[in-house]
Amino acid sequence: MSDITGVKSFFINSGKLSLPAFLAIFLIIIGAVNIHIESFSSFVPLFVAMSVFYWGIYVPSLMPKWLVFVLGIFHDAVYGIPAIGLSSALLLIMWGLVVSQQRHLIKEPFFVIWVMFTLSISIYIFLYWLIYCLYIGNFIFPVSVILQLLVSVFLYPLIHKLFNSVHGTLLKDM
């Protein structure tokens, strides 16, 4: 009977450990769904960056570097980004910065976290846009980039609350 309990516990804990990854993948797919709003796809919120940012602060062990890399590749593939790996590189930079400041950020109130997310996502989106323009050899006016930034920033509190709920209820016994 003890062996069955141990196996059951192993699978439950494994499922809990992989929950942030599955949630990030789910949000990437949700963001990629065509909802037939003209030009909506050009400013879909960056759910993958929200995931990396949140878990990098609160439970970095559940969002390791290799997972950040894989999520970036998956994001680029799902969205049809011609520069496969660009998201991975920028997400790894974001992850490194967030994790390096994790011990300070974890103590801060939500407003400070939101400001730091806004700063992080602004840098991420600006670098993404700049590198993408260089990659295609053409300057693209950043209206959709600015809209994507605004949508991501204003949606982050809702996503943060979702992640808090998942973290608090499913991962508290880890």
Protein backbone atom coordinates (compact mmCIF):
# COMPACT_ATOMS: atom_id res chain seq x y z
CA MET A 1 0.00 0.00 0.00
CA SER A 2 2.91 2.33 0.80
CA ASP A 3 4.35 1.83 -2.70
CA ILE A 4 1.06 2.85 -4.32
CA THR A 5 0.89 5.98 -2.18
CA GLY A 6 4.47 6.84 -3.11
CA VAL A 7 3.79 6.39 -6.84
CA LYS A 8 0.60 8.43 -6.59
CA SER A 9 2.48 11.18 -4.72
CA PHE A 10 5.24 11.14 -7.37
CA PHE A 11 2.74 11.68 -10.21
CA ILE A 12 0.84 14.37 -8.34
CA ASN A 13 4.06 16.25 -7.56
CA SER A 14 5.30 15.81 -11.14
CA GLY A 15 2.04 17.26 -12.42
CA LYS A 16 2.34 20.20 -10.06
CA LEU A 17 5.93 20.82 -11.13
CA SER A 18 4.97 20.86 -14.81
CA LEU A 19 1.91 23.08 -14.32
CA PRO A 20 3.69 26.40 -15.07
CA ALA A 21 5.01 24.93 -18.34
CA PHE A 22 1.59 23.63 -19.40
CA LEU A 23 -0.03 26.92 -18.41
CA ALA A 24 2.50 28.89 -20.47
CA ILE A 25 1.95 26.60 -23.48
CA PHE A 26 -1.82 26.92 -23.08
CA LEU A 27 -1.59 30.72 -22.99
CA ILE A 28 0.65 30.77 -26.08
CA ILE A 29 -1.94 28.69 -27.94
CA ILE A 30 -4.83 30.85 -26.67
CA GLY A 31 -3.00 33.95 -27.91
CA ALA A 32 -2.51 32.36 -31.33
CA VAL A 33 -6.19 31.53 -31.84
CA ASN A 34 -7.61 33.60 -34.68
CA ILE A 35 -10.61 35.44 -33.26
CA HIS A 36 -11.42 37.29 -36.51
CA ILE A 37 -10.76 40.80 -35.26
CA GLU A 38 -8.96 42.80 -37.93
CA SER A 39 -5.28 43.36 -37.05
CA PHE A 40 -5.73 41.72 -33.62
CA SER A 41 -2.91 39.27 -34.22
CA SER A 42 -0.44 42.13 -34.45
CA PHE A 43 -0.95 43.08 -30.81
CA VAL A 44 -1.68 39.84 -29.01
CA PRO A 45 -0.45 40.00 -25.41
CA LEU A 46 2.92 38.38 -24.78
CA PHE A 47 1.67 35.61 -22.51
CA VAL A 48 4.98 33.77 -22.70
CA ALA A 49 6.85 36.78 -21.32
CA MET A 50 4.25 37.12 -18.56
CA SER A 51 4.81 33.49 -17.61
CA VAL A 52 8.60 33.80 -17.59
CA PHE A 53 8.43 37.00 -15.55
CA TYR A 54 5.99 35.69 -12.92
CA TRP A 55 7.56 32.28 -12.34
CA GLY A 56 11.05 33.79 -12.48
CA ILE A 57 10.16 35.88 -9.45
CA TYR A 58 8.04 33.52 -7.39
CA VAL A 59 9.29 29.99 -8.20
CA PRO A 60 12.29 30.12 -10.57
CA SER A 61 12.87 26.39 -10.15
CA LEU A 62 9.58 25.79 -12.00
CA MET A 63 10.75 27.93 -14.93
CA PRO A 64 14.34 26.78 -15.60
CA LYS A 65 16.47 28.13 -18.47
CA TRP A 66 15.88 25.13 -20.71
CA LEU A 67 12.12 25.56 -20.36
CA VAL A 68 12.36 29.28 -21.17
CA PHE A 69 14.33 28.37 -24.30
CA VAL A 70 11.77 25.73 -25.37
CA LEU A 71 8.84 28.09 -24.71
CA GLY A 72 10.51 30.75 -26.88
CA ILE A 73 10.98 28.29 -29.75
CA PHE A 74 7.39 27.09 -29.35
CA HIS A 75 6.15 30.70 -29.33
CA ASP A 76 8.05 31.53 -32.53
CA ALA A 77 6.80 28.36 -34.24
CA VAL A 78 3.15 28.87 -33.27
CA TYR A 79 3.15 32.53 -34.35
CA GLY A 80 5.11 31.85 -37.53
CA ILE A 81 7.99 34.13 -36.61
CA PRO A 82 10.63 33.83 -39.36
CA ALA A 83 13.50 34.44 -36.92
CA ILE A 84 13.08 31.22 -34.92
CA GLY A 85 14.95 31.57 -31.64
CA LEU A 86 14.58 35.34 -31.28
CA SER A 87 11.96 34.93 -28.56
CA SER A 88 14.15 32.36 -26.80
CA ALA A 89 17.12 34.71 -26.71
CA LEU A 90 15.11 37.66 -25.41
CA LEU A 91 13.17 35.54 -22.92
CA LEU A 92 16.42 34.12 -21.54
CA ILE A 93 17.73 37.66 -21.05
CA MET A 94 14.49 38.64 -19.29
CA TRP A 95 14.60 35.46 -17.18
CA GLY A 96 18.21 36.11 -16.17
CA LEU A 97 17.47 39.67 -15.10
CA VAL A 98 14.34 38.70 -13.18
CA VAL A 99 15.94 35.74 -11.42
CA SER A 100 18.99 37.84 -10.50
CA GLN A 101 16.66 40.29 -8.73
CA GLN A 102 14.26 37.65 -7.42
CA ARG A 103 15.21 37.99 -3.76
CA HIS A 104 14.42 41.72 -3.88
CA LEU A 105 11.32 41.53 -6.06
CA ILE A 106 9.61 38.77 -4.11
CA LYS A 107 9.27 41.12 -1.11
CA GLU A 108 7.72 43.94 -3.11
CA PRO A 109 4.00 44.82 -3.34
CA PHE A 110 2.15 44.12 -6.57
CA PHE A 111 2.41 47.69 -7.85
CA VAL A 112 6.23 47.49 -7.85
CA ILE A 113 6.05 44.10 -9.58
CA TRP A 114 3.75 45.60 -12.20
CA VAL A 115 6.10 48.53 -12.79
CA MET A 116 9.03 46.10 -13.14
CA PHE A 117 6.99 43.99 -15.55
CA THR A 118 6.18 47.11 -17.57
CA LEU A 119 9.87 48.01 -17.73
CA SER A 120 10.89 44.43 -18.60
CA ILE A 121 8.26 43.94 -21.29
CA SER A 122 9.02 47.38 -22.76
CA ILE A 123 12.67 46.44 -23.19
CA TYR A 124 11.71 42.99 -24.51
CA ILE A 125 9.28 44.37 -27.09
CA PHE A 126 11.62 47.18 -28.18
CA LEU A 127 14.54 44.77 -28.70
CA TYR A 128 12.27 42.29 -30.47
CA TRP A 129 11.01 45.00 -32.83
CA LEU A 130 14.51 46.37 -33.48
CA ILE A 131 16.05 42.94 -34.18
CA TYR A 132 13.07 41.93 -36.32
CA CYS A 133 13.39 45.12 -38.40
CA LEU A 134 17.10 44.41 -38.90
CA TYR A 135 16.34 40.78 -39.77
CA ILE A 136 13.82 41.63 -42.48
CA GLY A 137 15.85 44.64 -43.65
CA ASN A 138 12.92 47.01 -43.40
CA PHE A 139 11.73 49.54 -40.85
CA ILE A 140 8.22 48.77 -39.65
CA PHE A 141 6.37 51.58 -37.93
CA PRO A 142 5.82 50.37 -34.36
CA VAL A 143 2.08 51.05 -33.95
CA SER A 144 1.32 47.34 -33.47
CA VAL A 145 4.33 47.05 -31.14
CA ILE A 146 3.01 49.86 -28.96
CA LEU A 147 -0.46 48.28 -28.92
CA GLN A 148 1.04 44.90 -28.00
CA LEU A 149 2.95 46.57 -25.15
CA LEU A 150 -0.17 48.31 -23.84
CA VAL A 151 -2.32 45.18 -24.05
CA SER A 152 0.37 43.12 -22.30
CA VAL A 153 0.86 45.68 -19.52
CA PHE A 154 -2.84 46.13 -18.84
CA LEU A 155 -3.58 42.41 -18.98
CA TYR A 156 -0.68 41.46 -16.70
CA PRO A 157 -2.59 42.02 -13.41
CA LEU A 158 -5.22 39.49 -14.51
CA ILE A 159 -2.58 36.95 -15.56
CA HIS A 160 -0.65 37.60 -12.34
CA LYS A 161 -3.80 36.88 -10.36
CA LEU A 162 -4.32 33.65 -12.33
CA PHE A 163 -0.73 32.58 -11.64
CA ASN A 164 -1.12 33.51 -7.95
CA SER A 165 -4.18 31.32 -7.78
CA VAL A 166 -2.38 28.39 -9.41
CA HIS A 167 0.68 28.94 -7.24
CA GLY A 168 -1.34 29.27 -4.05
CA THR A 169 -3.70 26.36 -4.47
CA LEU A 170 -1.82 23.76 -6.47
CA LEU A 171 1.80 24.38 -5.56
CA LYS A 172 1.62 25.34 -1.89
CA ASP A 173 2.44 21.84 -0.64
CA MET A 174 5.63 21.57 -2.69
